[in-house]
Amino acid sequence: MSVADAKERVRRGRKHVLVREYVRSLVVSAEPGTPAPSERDLAEQFGVARMTVRHAIDALVAQGLLERIPGRGTFVTKPLIDMQMRLSAFTEEMERRGKKPESKTILARRETAGPGVARALELEEGSPIAHWERLRLADGMPMAIQHVYLSLDLFPNFLEDAQPSSLYFWFAMQDLMPTWGEDSVTAAVATEQEAALLELEPGSPVLHISRRAFCREIAVEVTRSVYRADRYTLWVPVLRPEHLR
C-alpha cells in the first residue's frame, strides 16, 4: 500500500485503524530490532493528530508486532513462540520450532512436601520430595523458570544422578512417561529475582503455568513455571459440545 493510497483510505475510514494497517505493512516482514516509523513522521504523512498515530502504534504493541523500549524508542519485536496447551516437554516444543533448547540448574535438593505439593502429588504432607529449579532457554534466550517437584518415594535416585536435559525423556527411561495431565494458567508480574533470571524489567508481565502430570493413574510430576509473556502466545484449541451443535 502506497502512502497516497493510505491517505485516501484515511479520508474514508477510521483513521487510527488505517494508520495501524499501513504501519503493519511496513513492519510485518522487517527484521527484529528495526525501528518503527516515528509518530511525528506518520502524523505529518497522514495529516492526523499524534494521538491518532499513538493509538495505532499501541495496537501493534498489544499484538506483539512492536515493542517500546524506554529511552530508546519503538522497534519490531522478535517472533512470538506459540505455546500449545498439550502434554509435551519444553525440549520437544523448542525443537519442533527449530530452536536449540537449553537448561541451567539453579537448585536441586531434597525437601518435604507442603500441603499444596503433597495434595498434587497425592502424598502425605511432609513426604520426601525432590525440588529441581532450572532456567529454560531457547537459542540462548531465557524463556522460563521451572520448579519441578517429584516424589522421592517414587524416584529415590533422582537427586543422586545427574539431572536430565529432558525430564520427559527421563520419565520414558523410567517407564513412567506422562499420559495425561492438567495445566492452569494465570497472568502475573515478574518479581525482582524472576526478572533477573529472565532478563526482564521487574514488574514485567509473565505467565504462571502450573502442571500436574500422570502416568496412567500415578501422579509423577508437579511443575510450576514462569514464562516470559513477551515471547509467548498461548494457543488453546476449543471444541463445541455435541449437544450444542
Foldseek 3Di string as FASTA:
>chain_A
DDLVVLLVVCVVDPNLQSLLVVQCVVQVPDDWFAAGDDLVVSCVSNVHDSVSPVSSVVVCVVVLQWPADPPPHITGHDAAQEDEPDPDWPCVSLVVVVWHKFKAWPDKDKDFADPVVCVLQVHDGGAIKIWTWIFMDTNRATWKIKTKIFGCVVVVCCRVDDHDRIPQVVCVVVVWRFDDKDKDKDKDFADPVRCVSNVHDGRAIWIWMWMFTGRVNGTGIIMIMIGHPSRYDYDYDDDDDPVVD
